[in-house]
Protein backbone atom coordinates (compact mmCIF):
# COMPACT_ATOMS: atom_id res chain seq x y z
CA MET A 1 103.35 98.86 79.20
CA LEU A 2 104.13 96.13 76.85
CA TYR A 3 105.64 92.82 78.12
CA GLN A 4 108.06 92.71 74.89
CA ASP A 5 109.52 96.14 76.00
CA LEU A 6 110.49 95.27 79.62
CA VAL A 7 112.91 92.30 78.65
CA PHE A 8 115.34 94.06 80.42
CA GLU A 9 113.45 94.64 83.95
CA LEU A 10 111.85 91.36 83.91
CA GLU A 11 115.12 89.57 83.31
CA VAL A 12 115.16 86.13 85.10
CA ASP A 13 118.69 86.53 86.86
CA GLY A 14 117.97 84.67 90.13
CA SER A 15 116.29 87.79 91.95
CA LEU A 16 113.20 89.10 92.96
CA ARG A 17 111.27 91.84 91.76
CA ASP A 18 110.53 94.38 94.72
CA ILE A 19 107.28 96.77 94.68
CA TYR A 20 107.43 99.71 97.17
CA ALA A 21 105.49 102.11 98.52
CA PHE A 22 107.32 104.66 100.75
CA LYS A 23 106.77 106.90 103.58
CA THR A 24 103.41 104.85 104.56
CA THR A 25 101.69 104.55 107.91
CA VAL A 26 100.12 101.89 109.45
CA ASP A 27 96.75 103.13 108.12
CA ASP A 28 98.02 102.40 104.76
CA TRP A 29 98.85 98.90 105.85
CA ASN A 30 95.44 98.59 107.48
CA ARG A 31 94.04 99.53 103.56
CA LEU A 32 96.14 97.20 102.22
CA LEU A 33 94.99 94.29 104.37
CA SER A 34 91.26 95.56 103.73
CA LEU A 35 91.90 95.52 100.17
CA SER A 36 93.92 92.22 99.78
CA SER A 37 90.96 89.64 99.25
CA SER A 38 89.95 91.67 96.25
CA LEU A 39 93.18 91.90 94.85
CA GLY A 40 93.63 88.25 94.72
CA LYS A 41 93.53 84.84 96.63
CA ALA A 42 95.16 86.06 100.13
CA ALA A 43 96.71 83.92 102.61
CA TYR A 44 98.25 84.91 105.60
CA PHE A 45 101.05 82.81 107.65
CA CYS A 46 102.46 83.42 111.19
CA ASP A 47 105.82 81.57 111.66
CA GLY A 48 105.12 79.63 108.25
CA ASP A 49 101.96 78.41 109.64
CA GLU A 50 98.69 79.63 107.71
CA ALA A 51 96.63 81.44 110.07
CA PRO A 52 93.53 83.76 110.01
CA LEU A 53 94.65 87.24 108.61
CA PRO A 54 94.55 89.92 111.28
CA SER A 55 92.24 92.70 111.20
CA THR A 56 94.94 95.43 111.61
CA ALA A 57 98.55 95.93 110.73
CA ASN A 58 99.07 96.81 114.00
CA SER A 59 98.49 93.50 115.69
CA ILE A 60 101.28 92.49 113.05
CA PHE A 61 103.79 95.31 113.70
CA ASP A 62 103.18 95.09 117.44
CA ASP A 63 104.41 91.23 117.26
CA ALA A 64 107.91 91.29 116.47
CA ASP A 65 108.54 87.68 117.95
CA HIS A 66 107.05 86.04 114.99
CA SER A 67 107.27 86.01 111.35
CA HIS A 68 104.53 87.54 109.05
CA LEU A 69 103.78 86.73 105.53
CA LEU A 70 100.82 87.71 103.54
CA ARG A 71 100.80 86.06 100.03
CA ILE A 72 98.15 87.30 97.20
CA ASN A 73 97.76 85.00 94.30
CA LEU A 74 96.93 86.47 91.14
CA GLY A 75 95.96 83.27 89.61
CA GLY A 76 99.41 81.78 89.41
CA LEU A 77 101.61 85.09 90.23
CA PHE A 78 102.56 85.33 94.11
CA ILE A 79 103.19 88.61 95.58
CA ASN A 80 104.49 88.50 98.91
CA THR A 81 104.82 90.81 101.92
CA HIS A 82 106.80 90.00 104.92
CA PHE A 83 105.77 93.39 106.99
CA PHE A 84 109.14 94.52 107.62
CA VAL A 85 108.56 98.32 108.66
CA ALA A 86 105.21 100.22 109.00
CA ASP A 87 106.89 103.17 106.68
CA GLU A 88 107.65 101.14 103.80
CA ILE A 89 105.35 98.94 102.20
CA GLU A 90 107.64 96.27 100.52
CA LEU A 91 105.97 93.39 98.35
CA ASP A 92 107.86 90.97 96.07
CA LEU A 93 107.06 88.97 93.21
CA ASP A 94 109.50 86.31 91.03
CA PRO A 95 109.95 87.64 87.42
CA ARG A 96 110.02 83.93 86.65
CA GLU A 97 105.95 84.13 86.85
CA ILE A 98 105.56 87.30 84.54
CA THR A 99 105.84 85.19 81.32
CA SER A 100 103.13 86.70 78.99
CA GLN A 101 101.33 90.63 78.36
CA ALA A 102 98.41 88.90 80.92
CA ASP A 103 100.83 88.53 83.57
CA LEU A 104 102.38 91.89 83.11
CA ASP A 105 98.87 93.45 83.21
CA LEU A 106 97.94 91.47 86.69
CA VAL A 107 100.83 92.60 88.31
CA LEU A 108 100.41 96.30 86.91
CA ASN A 109 96.66 96.29 87.98
CA PHE A 110 97.51 94.98 91.45
CA CYS A 111 100.28 98.12 91.81
CA ALA A 112 97.80 100.76 90.63
CA LYS A 113 94.91 99.31 92.67
CA ILE A 114 96.99 99.50 96.02
CA GLY A 115 98.53 103.17 94.94
CA GLN A 116 94.81 104.34 94.42
CA GLU A 117 93.87 103.12 97.74
CA ILE A 118 96.71 104.17 99.83
CA LYS A 119 97.12 107.34 97.34
CA ARG A 120 100.91 106.80 96.85
CA ASP A 121 103.01 106.00 94.04
CA ILE A 122 104.11 102.56 93.65
CA VAL A 123 107.79 101.43 92.49
CA ILE A 124 109.16 98.23 90.88
CA THR A 125 112.91 98.00 91.57
CA PRO A 126 115.30 95.08 91.47
CA GLU A 127 115.59 93.12 94.85
CA ASN A 128 116.43 95.40 97.82
CA LEU A 129 117.60 98.34 95.60
CA PRO A 130 114.51 100.35 96.37
CA GLU A 131 116.57 103.47 94.51
CA VAL A 132 116.88 102.00 91.46
CA ILE A 133 113.44 102.29 89.89
CA TYR A 134 112.37 100.43 86.84
CA LEU A 135 108.65 101.59 86.78
CA CYS A 136 106.71 103.89 88.65
CA TYR A 137 102.95 103.86 88.87
CA LEU A 138 101.97 107.55 89.33
CA ALA A 139 99.01 107.56 91.83
CA ASP A 140 97.79 111.23 91.20
CA GLN A 141 97.79 110.75 87.38
CA ASP A 142 96.92 106.96 87.33
CA LYS A 143 99.59 106.10 85.16
CA TRP A 144 102.65 103.95 84.70
CA GLN A 145 106.10 105.78 84.03
CA ARG A 146 109.45 103.67 82.89
CA LEU A 147 112.50 105.26 84.17
CA GLU A 148 115.90 105.25 82.58
CA ARG A 149 117.86 102.02 82.33
CA PRO A 150 120.47 101.87 84.84
């Protein structure tokens, strides 16, 4: 994928871009937690306060009384997840942080590593529009596919 070809998908319009893996399990989340420190500098927050990263996602999903955030710093690009539901991994990123081919490559490599680890396709969409897929990482083929623009 070339940065200059994704002007529409990365347009700065005040919204985030979401990264999804669908039909996931708590085991997939556990693999994401295990992988997180190798993806970038990971920080975990509970109710806005930095805390040690839980060893399992079960403890996060069992704790509905608090807000949870995992932020992964890819060297100035921040990818976040709030642990909304166990059956869908949803992460977000700000397209303002993607300003070059190198930035785009960091994001795509990050997504591909997750897809390979959990053996699921990964999609990038507009914020809160999981049905509008801009890019899809096909885990079984280890390749990216750009979908038609809406």
